[in-house]
N, C-alpha and C. Protein backbone atom coordinates (compact mmCIF):
# COMPACT_ATOMS: atom_id res chain seq x y z
N UNK A 1 43.67 109.63 165.87
CA UNK A 1 44.56 108.71 165.16
C UNK A 1 44.36 108.87 163.64
N UNK A 2 45.44 108.95 162.88
CA UNK A 2 45.33 109.08 161.43
C UNK A 2 44.68 107.84 160.83
N UNK A 3 43.89 108.06 159.77
CA UNK A 3 43.17 106.94 159.15
C UNK A 3 44.12 105.83 158.73
N UNK A 4 45.28 106.21 158.20
CA UNK A 4 46.23 105.21 157.70
C UNK A 4 46.77 104.34 158.83
N UNK A 5 46.80 104.89 160.05
CA UNK A 5 47.33 104.15 161.20
C UNK A 5 46.23 103.51 162.05
N UNK A 6 45.00 103.67 161.64
CA UNK A 6 43.87 103.17 162.43
C UNK A 6 43.59 101.70 162.10
N UNK A 7 43.87 100.77 163.02
CA UNK A 7 43.66 99.35 162.74
C UNK A 7 42.19 98.94 162.72
N UNK A 8 41.32 99.85 163.19
CA UNK A 8 39.89 99.50 163.25
C UNK A 8 39.11 99.93 162.01
N UNK A 9 39.73 100.75 161.18
CA UNK A 9 39.00 101.31 160.04
C UNK A 9 38.49 100.23 159.08
N UNK A 10 39.30 99.22 158.82
CA UNK A 10 38.89 98.18 157.87
C UNK A 10 37.66 97.41 158.37
N UNK A 11 37.51 97.36 159.70
CA UNK A 11 36.35 96.65 160.27
C UNK A 11 35.09 97.51 160.17
N UNK A 12 35.28 98.82 160.21
CA UNK A 12 34.16 99.72 159.98
C UNK A 12 33.67 99.59 158.54
N UNK A 13 34.62 99.57 157.61
CA UNK A 13 34.27 99.45 156.19
C UNK A 13 33.62 98.10 155.90
N UNK A 14 34.10 97.04 156.54
CA UNK A 14 33.50 95.72 156.36
C UNK A 14 32.08 95.70 156.91
N UNK A 15 31.90 96.33 158.08
CA UNK A 15 30.57 96.39 158.69
C UNK A 15 29.61 97.16 157.79
N UNK A 16 30.08 98.24 157.20
CA UNK A 16 29.24 99.03 156.28
C UNK A 16 28.79 98.17 155.10
N UNK A 17 29.68 97.33 154.61
CA UNK A 17 29.33 96.43 153.50
C UNK A 17 28.29 95.40 153.94
N UNK A 18 28.50 94.82 155.11
CA UNK A 18 27.53 93.85 155.63
C UNK A 18 26.17 94.52 155.85
N UNK A 19 26.21 95.77 156.30
CA UNK A 19 24.97 96.51 156.56
C UNK A 19 24.14 96.67 155.29
N UNK A 20 24.82 96.91 154.18
CA UNK A 20 24.11 97.04 152.89
C UNK A 20 23.37 95.76 152.55
N UNK A 21 24.04 94.63 152.74
CA UNK A 21 23.43 93.32 152.48
C UNK A 21 22.21 93.10 153.39
N UNK A 22 22.38 93.38 154.67
CA UNK A 22 21.30 93.15 155.64
C UNK A 22 20.11 94.06 155.37
N UNK A 23 20.40 95.30 155.00
CA UNK A 23 19.31 96.25 154.71
C UNK A 23 18.50 95.78 153.51
N UNK A 24 19.19 95.29 152.48
CA UNK A 24 18.49 94.77 151.30
C UNK A 24 17.66 93.55 151.66
N UNK A 25 18.21 92.68 152.49
CA UNK A 25 17.47 91.50 152.93
C UNK A 25 16.21 91.90 153.68
N UNK A 26 16.34 92.88 154.55
CA UNK A 26 15.22 93.30 155.40
C UNK A 26 14.15 94.04 154.61
N UNK A 27 14.58 95.04 153.84
CA UNK A 27 13.62 95.92 153.17
C UNK A 27 13.13 95.43 151.81
N UNK A 28 13.91 94.58 151.15
CA UNK A 28 13.54 94.14 149.80
C UNK A 28 13.24 92.64 149.75
N UNK A 29 14.25 91.83 150.04
CA UNK A 29 14.12 90.39 149.85
C UNK A 29 13.00 89.79 150.70
N UNK A 30 13.02 90.05 152.00
CA UNK A 30 12.03 89.39 152.86
C UNK A 30 10.62 89.95 152.69
N UNK A 31 10.49 91.17 152.20
CA UNK A 31 9.16 91.68 151.87
C UNK A 31 8.60 90.91 150.69
N UNK A 32 9.47 90.65 149.69
CA UNK A 32 9.03 89.89 148.52
C UNK A 32 8.76 88.43 148.89
N UNK A 33 9.63 87.85 149.72
CA UNK A 33 9.45 86.47 150.16
C UNK A 33 8.12 86.32 150.89
N UNK A 34 7.84 87.24 151.80
CA UNK A 34 6.58 87.20 152.55
C UNK A 34 5.38 87.32 151.62
N UNK A 35 5.51 88.18 150.61
CA UNK A 35 4.44 88.35 149.64
C UNK A 35 4.20 87.06 148.85
N UNK A 36 5.28 86.42 148.41
CA UNK A 36 5.17 85.16 147.67
C UNK A 36 4.53 84.06 148.51
N UNK A 37 4.75 84.12 149.82
CA UNK A 37 4.29 83.03 150.70
C UNK A 37 2.92 83.27 151.32
N UNK A 38 2.27 84.37 150.96
CA UNK A 38 0.94 84.64 151.53
C UNK A 38 -0.06 83.54 151.18
N UNK A 39 -0.04 83.09 149.92
CA UNK A 39 -0.98 82.04 149.51
C UNK A 39 -0.68 80.73 150.23
N UNK A 40 0.61 80.48 150.50
CA UNK A 40 0.99 79.27 151.24
C UNK A 40 0.46 79.32 152.67
N UNK A 41 0.63 80.46 153.32
CA UNK A 41 0.17 80.63 154.71
C UNK A 41 -1.33 80.43 154.79
N UNK A 42 -2.05 81.05 153.85
CA UNK A 42 -3.51 80.92 153.81
C UNK A 42 -3.93 79.47 153.59
N UNK A 43 -3.25 78.79 152.68
CA UNK A 43 -3.56 77.40 152.37
C UNK A 43 -3.32 76.50 153.59
N UNK A 44 -2.20 76.69 154.26
CA UNK A 44 -1.86 75.87 155.44
C UNK A 44 -2.90 76.05 156.54
N UNK A 45 -3.34 77.27 156.74
CA UNK A 45 -4.35 77.52 157.78
C UNK A 45 -5.65 76.78 157.49
N UNK A 46 -5.99 76.69 156.22
CA UNK A 46 -7.20 75.95 155.84
C UNK A 46 -6.99 74.44 156.02
N UNK A 47 -5.79 73.98 155.71
CA UNK A 47 -5.47 72.56 155.90
C UNK A 47 -5.61 72.17 157.37
N UNK A 48 -5.14 73.04 158.26
CA UNK A 48 -5.20 72.77 159.70
C UNK A 48 -6.63 72.54 160.17
N UNK A 49 -7.57 73.30 159.62
CA UNK A 49 -8.97 73.20 160.06
C UNK A 49 -9.64 71.89 159.64
N UNK A 50 -9.11 71.24 158.60
CA UNK A 50 -9.72 69.98 158.13
C UNK A 50 -8.68 68.87 158.05
N UNK A 51 -7.70 68.93 158.92
CA UNK A 51 -6.57 67.99 158.87
C UNK A 51 -7.01 66.53 158.88
N UNK A 52 -7.93 66.17 159.76
CA UNK A 52 -8.37 64.77 159.86
C UNK A 52 -9.06 64.30 158.59
N UNK A 53 -9.96 65.12 158.07
CA UNK A 53 -10.69 64.76 156.84
C UNK A 53 -9.74 64.63 155.66
N UNK A 54 -8.78 65.56 155.58
CA UNK A 54 -7.82 65.55 154.48
C UNK A 54 -6.90 64.33 154.56
N UNK A 55 -6.53 63.97 155.78
CA UNK A 55 -5.64 62.82 155.98
C UNK A 55 -6.26 61.52 155.49
N UNK A 56 -7.58 61.44 155.49
CA UNK A 56 -8.26 60.23 155.03
C UNK A 56 -8.00 59.97 153.56
N UNK A 57 -7.70 61.03 152.80
CA UNK A 57 -7.44 60.89 151.35
C UNK A 57 -5.95 60.89 151.03
N UNK A 58 -5.23 61.86 151.55
CA UNK A 58 -3.81 61.99 151.17
C UNK A 58 -2.85 61.31 152.14
N UNK A 59 -3.35 60.92 153.30
CA UNK A 59 -2.50 60.26 154.29
C UNK A 59 -2.09 61.20 155.41
N UNK A 60 -2.05 60.67 156.62
CA UNK A 60 -1.72 61.48 157.80
C UNK A 60 -0.30 62.05 157.72
N UNK A 61 0.64 61.27 157.20
CA UNK A 61 2.03 61.74 157.14
C UNK A 61 2.18 62.96 156.25
N UNK A 62 1.41 62.98 155.15
CA UNK A 62 1.45 64.13 154.23
C UNK A 62 0.90 65.37 154.92
N UNK A 63 -0.24 65.20 155.58
CA UNK A 63 -0.87 66.33 156.28
C UNK A 63 0.03 66.84 157.40
N UNK A 64 0.59 65.92 158.16
CA UNK A 64 1.49 66.31 159.26
C UNK A 64 2.70 67.09 158.75
N UNK A 65 3.26 66.63 157.63
CA UNK A 65 4.43 67.30 157.05
C UNK A 65 4.09 68.71 156.59
N UNK A 66 2.97 68.85 155.89
CA UNK A 66 2.62 70.15 155.33
C UNK A 66 2.28 71.14 156.45
N UNK A 67 1.61 70.66 157.49
CA UNK A 67 1.26 71.55 158.61
C UNK A 67 2.51 71.97 159.37
N UNK A 68 3.36 71.00 159.69
CA UNK A 68 4.58 71.31 160.45
C UNK A 68 5.49 72.26 159.69
N UNK A 69 5.75 71.93 158.41
CA UNK A 69 6.64 72.77 157.60
C UNK A 69 6.02 74.14 157.38
N UNK A 70 4.73 74.18 157.12
CA UNK A 70 4.05 75.45 156.88
C UNK A 70 4.09 76.37 158.08
N UNK A 71 3.82 75.81 159.25
CA UNK A 71 3.85 76.62 160.47
C UNK A 71 5.27 77.06 160.82
N UNK A 72 6.24 76.20 160.53
CA UNK A 72 7.65 76.56 160.76
C UNK A 72 8.05 77.72 159.86
N UNK A 73 7.66 77.64 158.59
CA UNK A 73 7.98 78.71 157.64
C UNK A 73 7.31 80.01 158.05
N UNK A 74 6.05 79.93 158.45
CA UNK A 74 5.34 81.14 158.87
C UNK A 74 6.05 81.81 160.05
N UNK A 75 6.49 81.00 161.00
CA UNK A 75 7.21 81.55 162.17
C UNK A 75 8.55 82.17 161.75
N UNK A 76 9.24 81.52 160.81
CA UNK A 76 10.56 81.99 160.40
C UNK A 76 10.51 83.29 159.59
N UNK A 77 9.48 83.44 158.75
CA UNK A 77 9.41 84.67 157.96
C UNK A 77 8.99 85.86 158.82
N UNK A 78 8.56 85.58 160.04
CA UNK A 78 8.31 86.63 161.02
C UNK A 78 9.58 86.90 161.83
N UNK A 79 10.27 85.82 162.22
CA UNK A 79 11.44 85.95 163.09
C UNK A 79 12.67 86.53 162.38
N UNK A 80 12.90 86.14 161.13
CA UNK A 80 14.12 86.57 160.44
C UNK A 80 14.19 88.09 160.27
N UNK A 81 13.11 88.77 159.82
CA UNK A 81 13.18 90.23 159.72
C UNK A 81 13.46 90.91 161.06
N UNK A 82 12.94 90.34 162.16
CA UNK A 82 13.21 90.90 163.49
C UNK A 82 14.70 90.79 163.81
N UNK A 83 15.29 89.64 163.49
CA UNK A 83 16.72 89.43 163.71
C UNK A 83 17.55 90.35 162.80
N UNK A 84 17.11 90.53 161.58
CA UNK A 84 17.80 91.44 160.65
C UNK A 84 17.83 92.86 161.21
N UNK A 85 16.69 93.31 161.72
CA UNK A 85 16.60 94.67 162.27
C UNK A 85 17.54 94.82 163.47
N UNK A 86 17.57 93.81 164.34
CA UNK A 86 18.44 93.86 165.52
C UNK A 86 19.91 93.88 165.12
N UNK A 87 20.26 93.11 164.09
CA UNK A 87 21.64 93.06 163.62
C UNK A 87 22.05 94.39 162.98
N UNK A 88 21.14 94.99 162.23
CA UNK A 88 21.40 96.30 161.63
C UNK A 88 21.66 97.36 162.71
N UNK A 89 20.89 97.32 163.78
CA UNK A 89 21.08 98.28 164.87
C UNK A 89 22.45 98.10 165.52
N UNK A 90 22.86 96.84 165.69
CA UNK A 90 24.18 96.57 166.26
C UNK A 90 25.28 97.05 165.31
N UNK A 91 25.08 96.84 164.02
CA UNK A 91 26.05 97.31 163.03
C UNK A 91 26.22 98.82 163.06
N UNK A 92 25.10 99.54 163.22
CA UNK A 92 25.17 101.00 163.33
C UNK A 92 25.97 101.42 164.57
N UNK A 93 25.78 100.66 165.63
CA UNK A 93 26.51 100.95 166.87
C UNK A 93 28.01 100.76 166.68
N UNK A 94 28.38 99.68 165.97
CA UNK A 94 29.81 99.42 165.71
C UNK A 94 30.43 100.56 164.92
N UNK A 95 29.74 100.98 163.87
CA UNK A 95 30.24 102.06 163.02
C UNK A 95 30.37 103.35 163.83
N UNK A 96 29.38 103.63 164.67
CA UNK A 96 29.41 104.85 165.49
C UNK A 96 30.56 104.82 166.49
N UNK A 97 30.80 103.67 167.09
CA UNK A 97 31.89 103.53 168.07
C UNK A 97 33.23 103.82 167.41
N UNK A 98 33.43 103.27 166.22
CA UNK A 98 34.71 103.47 165.53
C UNK A 98 34.87 104.92 165.07
N UNK A 99 33.78 105.53 164.60
CA UNK A 99 33.85 106.90 164.10
C UNK A 99 34.04 107.94 165.20
N UNK A 100 33.34 107.73 166.32
CA UNK A 100 33.28 108.78 167.34
C UNK A 100 34.32 108.67 168.45
N UNK A 101 34.71 107.47 168.79
CA UNK A 101 35.60 107.30 169.95
C UNK A 101 36.98 107.89 169.69
N UNK A 102 37.45 108.67 170.65
CA UNK A 102 38.77 109.31 170.52
C UNK A 102 39.88 108.45 171.12
N UNK A 103 39.52 107.58 172.03
CA UNK A 103 40.50 106.74 172.72
C UNK A 103 40.67 105.41 171.96
N UNK A 104 41.80 105.19 171.28
CA UNK A 104 42.02 103.96 170.50
C UNK A 104 41.85 102.69 171.33
N UNK A 105 42.28 102.75 172.58
CA UNK A 105 42.17 101.58 173.46
C UNK A 105 40.71 101.23 173.70
N UNK A 106 39.90 102.25 173.98
CA UNK A 106 38.47 102.04 174.23
C UNK A 106 37.77 101.49 172.99
N UNK A 107 38.18 101.97 171.81
CA UNK A 107 37.58 101.51 170.56
C UNK A 107 37.84 100.02 170.37
N UNK A 108 39.07 99.61 170.57
CA UNK A 108 39.44 98.20 170.35
C UNK A 108 38.72 97.29 171.35
N UNK A 109 38.65 97.71 172.60
CA UNK A 109 37.94 96.92 173.62
C UNK A 109 36.47 96.74 173.24
N UNK A 110 35.84 97.85 172.83
CA UNK A 110 34.42 97.80 172.43
C UNK A 110 34.24 96.98 171.16
N UNK A 111 35.15 97.16 170.21
CA UNK A 111 35.05 96.46 168.93
C UNK A 111 35.12 94.95 169.11
N UNK A 112 36.01 94.50 169.97
CA UNK A 112 36.14 93.05 170.20
C UNK A 112 34.83 92.45 170.68
N UNK A 113 34.17 93.16 171.56
CA UNK A 113 32.91 92.67 172.12
C UNK A 113 31.77 92.76 171.10
N UNK A 114 31.63 93.93 170.48
CA UNK A 114 30.50 94.17 169.58
C UNK A 114 30.62 93.41 168.26
N UNK A 115 31.83 93.38 167.69
CA UNK A 115 31.99 92.72 166.39
C UNK A 115 31.79 91.22 166.52
N UNK A 116 32.24 90.64 167.62
CA UNK A 116 32.04 89.20 167.83
C UNK A 116 30.55 88.88 167.89
N UNK A 117 29.80 89.75 168.57
CA UNK A 117 28.34 89.55 168.66
C UNK A 117 27.69 89.74 167.30
N UNK A 118 28.15 90.71 166.55
CA UNK A 118 27.62 91.01 165.22
C UNK A 118 27.80 89.81 164.30
N UNK A 119 28.97 89.21 164.32
CA UNK A 119 29.24 88.05 163.47
C UNK A 119 28.38 86.86 163.88
N UNK A 120 28.19 86.68 165.18
CA UNK A 120 27.31 85.59 165.65
C UNK A 120 25.89 85.77 165.11
N UNK A 121 25.44 87.01 165.07
CA UNK A 121 24.09 87.29 164.55
C UNK A 121 24.03 87.07 163.04
N UNK A 122 25.09 87.43 162.33
CA UNK A 122 25.15 87.16 160.88
C UNK A 122 25.05 85.66 160.61
N UNK A 123 25.78 84.88 161.40
CA UNK A 123 25.75 83.43 161.24
C UNK A 123 24.36 82.89 161.53
N UNK A 124 23.71 83.45 162.56
CA UNK A 124 22.36 83.00 162.91
C UNK A 124 21.38 83.28 161.78
N UNK A 125 21.51 84.44 161.16
CA UNK A 125 20.65 84.78 160.01
C UNK A 125 20.88 83.78 158.88
N UNK A 126 22.14 83.48 158.61
CA UNK A 126 22.49 82.53 157.55
C UNK A 126 21.91 81.14 157.84
N UNK A 127 22.00 80.70 159.09
CA UNK A 127 21.45 79.39 159.48
C UNK A 127 19.93 79.39 159.32
N UNK A 128 19.28 80.47 159.73
CA UNK A 128 17.82 80.56 159.59
C UNK A 128 17.41 80.49 158.11
N UNK A 129 18.15 81.19 157.26
CA UNK A 129 17.83 81.17 155.83
C UNK A 129 18.04 79.76 155.26
N UNK A 130 19.10 79.09 155.70
CA UNK A 130 19.36 77.71 155.28
C UNK A 130 18.19 76.81 155.67
N UNK A 131 17.74 76.93 156.91
CA UNK A 131 16.62 76.13 157.40
C UNK A 131 15.33 76.45 156.67
N UNK A 132 15.13 77.73 156.37
CA UNK A 132 13.93 78.15 155.66
C UNK A 132 13.88 77.54 154.27
N UNK A 133 15.00 77.53 153.58
CA UNK A 133 15.07 76.91 152.25
C UNK A 133 14.72 75.43 152.33
N UNK A 134 15.22 74.75 153.34
CA UNK A 134 14.94 73.32 153.51
C UNK A 134 13.46 73.06 153.78
N UNK A 135 12.85 73.91 154.60
CA UNK A 135 11.42 73.75 154.89
C UNK A 135 10.57 74.02 153.65
N UNK A 136 10.98 75.00 152.85
CA UNK A 136 10.26 75.30 151.61
C UNK A 136 10.38 74.15 150.62
N UNK A 137 11.52 73.47 150.64
CA UNK A 137 11.71 72.30 149.78
C UNK A 137 10.73 71.19 150.17
N UNK A 138 10.56 71.00 151.47
CA UNK A 138 9.60 70.00 151.95
C UNK A 138 8.19 70.37 151.50
N UNK A 139 7.85 71.64 151.65
CA UNK A 139 6.51 72.10 151.25
C UNK A 139 6.27 71.88 149.77
N UNK A 140 7.26 72.20 148.95
CA UNK A 140 7.10 72.01 147.50
C UNK A 140 6.79 70.57 147.15
N UNK A 141 7.50 69.65 147.79
CA UNK A 141 7.27 68.21 147.54
C UNK A 141 5.89 67.79 147.99
N UNK A 142 5.49 68.22 149.19
CA UNK A 142 4.19 67.83 149.74
C UNK A 142 3.05 68.46 148.95
N UNK A 143 3.23 69.71 148.52
CA UNK A 143 2.20 70.34 147.69
C UNK A 143 1.98 69.57 146.39
N UNK A 144 3.05 69.03 145.84
CA UNK A 144 2.94 68.22 144.62
C UNK A 144 2.10 66.97 144.87
N UNK A 145 2.30 66.35 146.03
CA UNK A 145 1.52 65.16 146.40
C UNK A 145 0.05 65.52 146.53
N UNK A 146 -0.23 66.61 147.25
CA UNK A 146 -1.63 67.04 147.42
C UNK A 146 -2.24 67.38 146.06
N UNK A 147 -1.43 67.98 145.19
CA UNK A 147 -1.92 68.34 143.86
C UNK A 147 -2.42 67.16 143.06
N UNK A 148 -1.83 65.99 143.27
CA UNK A 148 -2.26 64.80 142.52
C UNK A 148 -3.66 64.34 142.94
N UNK A 149 -4.11 64.79 144.10
CA UNK A 149 -5.45 64.43 144.59
C UNK A 149 -6.48 65.54 144.37
N UNK A 150 -6.08 66.58 143.65
CA UNK A 150 -6.96 67.75 143.48
C UNK A 150 -8.34 67.40 142.97
N UNK A 151 -8.40 66.59 141.92
CA UNK A 151 -9.69 66.29 141.29
C UNK A 151 -10.66 65.63 142.26
N UNK A 152 -10.14 64.81 143.17
CA UNK A 152 -10.99 64.16 144.16
C UNK A 152 -11.32 65.11 145.30
N UNK A 153 -10.31 65.80 145.79
CA UNK A 153 -10.48 66.65 146.97
C UNK A 153 -11.34 67.87 146.73
N UNK A 154 -11.32 68.43 145.53
CA UNK A 154 -12.08 69.66 145.30
C UNK A 154 -13.59 69.45 145.36
N UNK A 155 -14.02 68.20 145.29
CA UNK A 155 -15.45 67.91 145.44
C UNK A 155 -15.87 68.10 146.90
N UNK A 156 -14.90 67.98 147.81
CA UNK A 156 -15.18 68.15 149.23
C UNK A 156 -14.70 69.51 149.73
N UNK A 157 -13.49 69.87 149.28
CA UNK A 157 -12.89 71.14 149.70
C UNK A 157 -12.63 72.00 148.45
N UNK A 158 -13.51 72.95 148.20
CA UNK A 158 -13.37 73.77 146.99
C UNK A 158 -12.07 74.57 146.97
N UNK A 159 -11.56 74.90 148.15
CA UNK A 159 -10.35 75.72 148.26
C UNK A 159 -9.07 74.94 147.95
N UNK A 160 -9.17 73.62 147.82
CA UNK A 160 -7.97 72.80 147.63
C UNK A 160 -7.20 73.18 146.36
N UNK A 161 -7.91 73.79 145.40
CA UNK A 161 -7.24 74.22 144.16
C UNK A 161 -6.19 75.31 144.42
N UNK A 162 -6.28 75.92 145.61
CA UNK A 162 -5.31 76.96 145.97
C UNK A 162 -3.91 76.38 146.18
N UNK A 163 -3.81 75.05 146.19
CA UNK A 163 -2.50 74.41 146.36
C UNK A 163 -1.55 74.80 145.23
N UNK A 164 -2.11 75.07 144.04
CA UNK A 164 -1.27 75.46 142.91
C UNK A 164 -0.59 76.80 143.18
N UNK A 165 -1.37 77.77 143.66
CA UNK A 165 -0.81 79.08 144.00
C UNK A 165 0.18 79.00 145.14
N UNK A 166 -0.14 78.15 146.13
CA UNK A 166 0.76 77.97 147.27
C UNK A 166 2.09 77.38 146.81
N UNK A 167 2.02 76.41 145.91
CA UNK A 167 3.23 75.76 145.40
C UNK A 167 4.07 76.74 144.57
N UNK A 168 3.41 77.50 143.71
CA UNK A 168 4.13 78.47 142.87
C UNK A 168 4.81 79.55 143.72
N UNK A 169 4.08 80.06 144.73
CA UNK A 169 4.65 81.07 145.61
C UNK A 169 5.83 80.55 146.40
N UNK A 170 5.71 79.30 146.84
CA UNK A 170 6.80 78.66 147.58
C UNK A 170 8.05 78.54 146.72
N UNK A 171 7.85 78.15 145.46
CA UNK A 171 8.98 77.99 144.53
C UNK A 171 9.68 79.33 144.26
N UNK A 172 8.88 80.40 144.12
CA UNK A 172 9.45 81.73 143.87
C UNK A 172 10.26 82.21 145.08
N UNK A 173 9.69 82.01 146.27
CA UNK A 173 10.38 82.42 147.50
C UNK A 173 11.68 81.64 147.66
N UNK A 174 11.62 80.35 147.39
CA UNK A 174 12.80 79.50 147.53
C UNK A 174 13.89 79.92 146.55
N UNK A 175 13.49 80.26 145.33
CA UNK A 175 14.46 80.70 144.32
C UNK A 175 15.19 81.96 144.76
N UNK A 176 14.45 82.92 145.32
CA UNK A 176 15.07 84.15 145.82
C UNK A 176 16.05 83.86 146.96
N UNK A 177 15.63 83.00 147.86
CA UNK A 177 16.45 82.70 149.04
C UNK A 177 17.72 81.92 148.68
N UNK A 178 17.62 81.05 147.69
CA UNK A 178 18.81 80.30 147.26
C UNK A 178 19.88 81.23 146.70
N UNK A 179 19.43 82.24 145.97
CA UNK A 179 20.37 83.22 145.42
C UNK A 179 21.05 83.99 146.56
N UNK A 180 20.24 84.41 147.53
CA UNK A 180 20.77 85.12 148.70
C UNK A 180 21.74 84.24 149.47
N UNK A 181 21.39 82.96 149.61
CA UNK A 181 22.21 82.01 150.37
C UNK A 181 23.61 81.90 149.78
N UNK A 182 23.70 81.80 148.46
CA UNK A 182 25.01 81.68 147.80
C UNK A 182 25.87 82.91 148.05
N UNK A 183 25.24 84.08 147.97
CA UNK A 183 25.98 85.33 148.18
C UNK A 183 26.40 85.48 149.64
N UNK A 184 25.49 85.12 150.52
CA UNK A 184 25.74 85.31 151.95
C UNK A 184 26.76 84.32 152.50
N UNK A 185 26.84 83.15 151.90
CA UNK A 185 27.79 82.13 152.35
C UNK A 185 29.22 82.69 152.34
N UNK A 186 29.57 83.40 151.26
CA UNK A 186 30.91 84.00 151.14
C UNK A 186 31.11 85.09 152.20
N UNK A 187 30.06 85.88 152.41
CA UNK A 187 30.17 86.99 153.36
C UNK A 187 30.31 86.50 154.80
N UNK A 188 29.63 85.40 155.11
CA UNK A 188 29.73 84.84 156.46
C UNK A 188 31.15 84.34 156.72
N UNK A 189 31.75 83.70 155.72
CA UNK A 189 33.14 83.24 155.86
C UNK A 189 34.08 84.42 156.06
N UNK A 190 33.84 85.49 155.30
CA UNK A 190 34.65 86.70 155.43
C UNK A 190 34.49 87.29 156.84
N UNK A 191 33.25 87.33 157.32
CA UNK A 191 32.96 87.88 158.65
C UNK A 191 33.65 87.07 159.75
N UNK A 192 33.66 85.75 159.59
CA UNK A 192 34.32 84.89 160.59
C UNK A 192 35.83 85.14 160.62
N UNK A 193 36.42 85.35 159.44
CA UNK A 193 37.85 85.65 159.37
C UNK A 193 38.16 87.00 160.02
N UNK A 194 37.30 87.98 159.73
CA UNK A 194 37.48 89.31 160.32
C UNK A 194 37.35 89.26 161.84
N UNK A 195 36.43 88.44 162.33
CA UNK A 195 36.25 88.31 163.78
C UNK A 195 37.55 87.80 164.43
N UNK A 196 38.18 86.83 163.79
CA UNK A 196 39.45 86.30 164.32
C UNK A 196 40.51 87.40 164.37
N UNK A 197 40.53 88.23 163.31
CA UNK A 197 41.50 89.32 163.26
C UNK A 197 41.23 90.36 164.34
N UNK A 198 39.95 90.66 164.54
CA UNK A 198 39.57 91.64 165.56
C UNK A 198 40.03 91.18 166.94
N UNK A 199 39.81 89.90 167.22
CA UNK A 199 40.16 89.36 168.54
C UNK A 199 41.68 89.38 168.78
N UNK A 200 42.46 89.48 167.70
CA UNK A 200 43.92 89.52 167.84
C UNK A 200 44.47 90.95 167.91
N UNK A 201 43.59 91.94 167.76
CA UNK A 201 44.06 93.33 167.83
C UNK A 201 44.69 93.61 169.20
N UNK A 202 45.84 94.25 169.17
CA UNK A 202 46.54 94.56 170.41
C UNK A 202 46.16 95.96 170.90
N UNK A 203 46.02 96.07 172.19
CA UNK A 203 45.70 97.37 172.78
C UNK A 203 46.94 98.25 172.76
N UNK A 204 46.76 99.52 172.38
CA UNK A 204 47.91 100.44 172.37
C UNK A 204 48.45 100.65 173.78
N UNK A 205 49.73 100.86 173.86
CA UNK A 205 50.37 101.06 175.18
C UNK A 205 49.94 102.38 175.80
């Protein structure tokens, strides 16, 4: 089929664009985010070991919040790159199907199935990033509360001063993710529109 008459070509080009975004997220953004959050992860693990003692000074609700949010963030910065990799692999498959398939009918049937799944995964990544930003916001607030008790707590827990590094790293990671979120919000809307168009593609006679 000539390129000009190929109704699937625009979806291949759109997928290639989305792939660039996902690859940058996987190989650049989340590596930096994970690096910024190393001090936070280390700090949370130490908090867990002395949770009861720490709660006596800063309050149980503060300790519970920091542990829950910290563990959630740690799980998410592991899960999101895995999802990114899986989505990239699916994107490669979509591009290959459009490029290699000689039967236009077979291409459209496959595209409807694969592209719908691809968009669902893009949305899932966006939701995860949204949730991650919210959890980092909670951590930033709680770290500030713990920071006000530093002078008292460091007499018992020398490592408590690490809260400053944890807070700074959290703020840097959140700043990066907020920028990504704004850019990705537009792309997710575009992907949803394209999915609707794909589902309306008619099979050739």
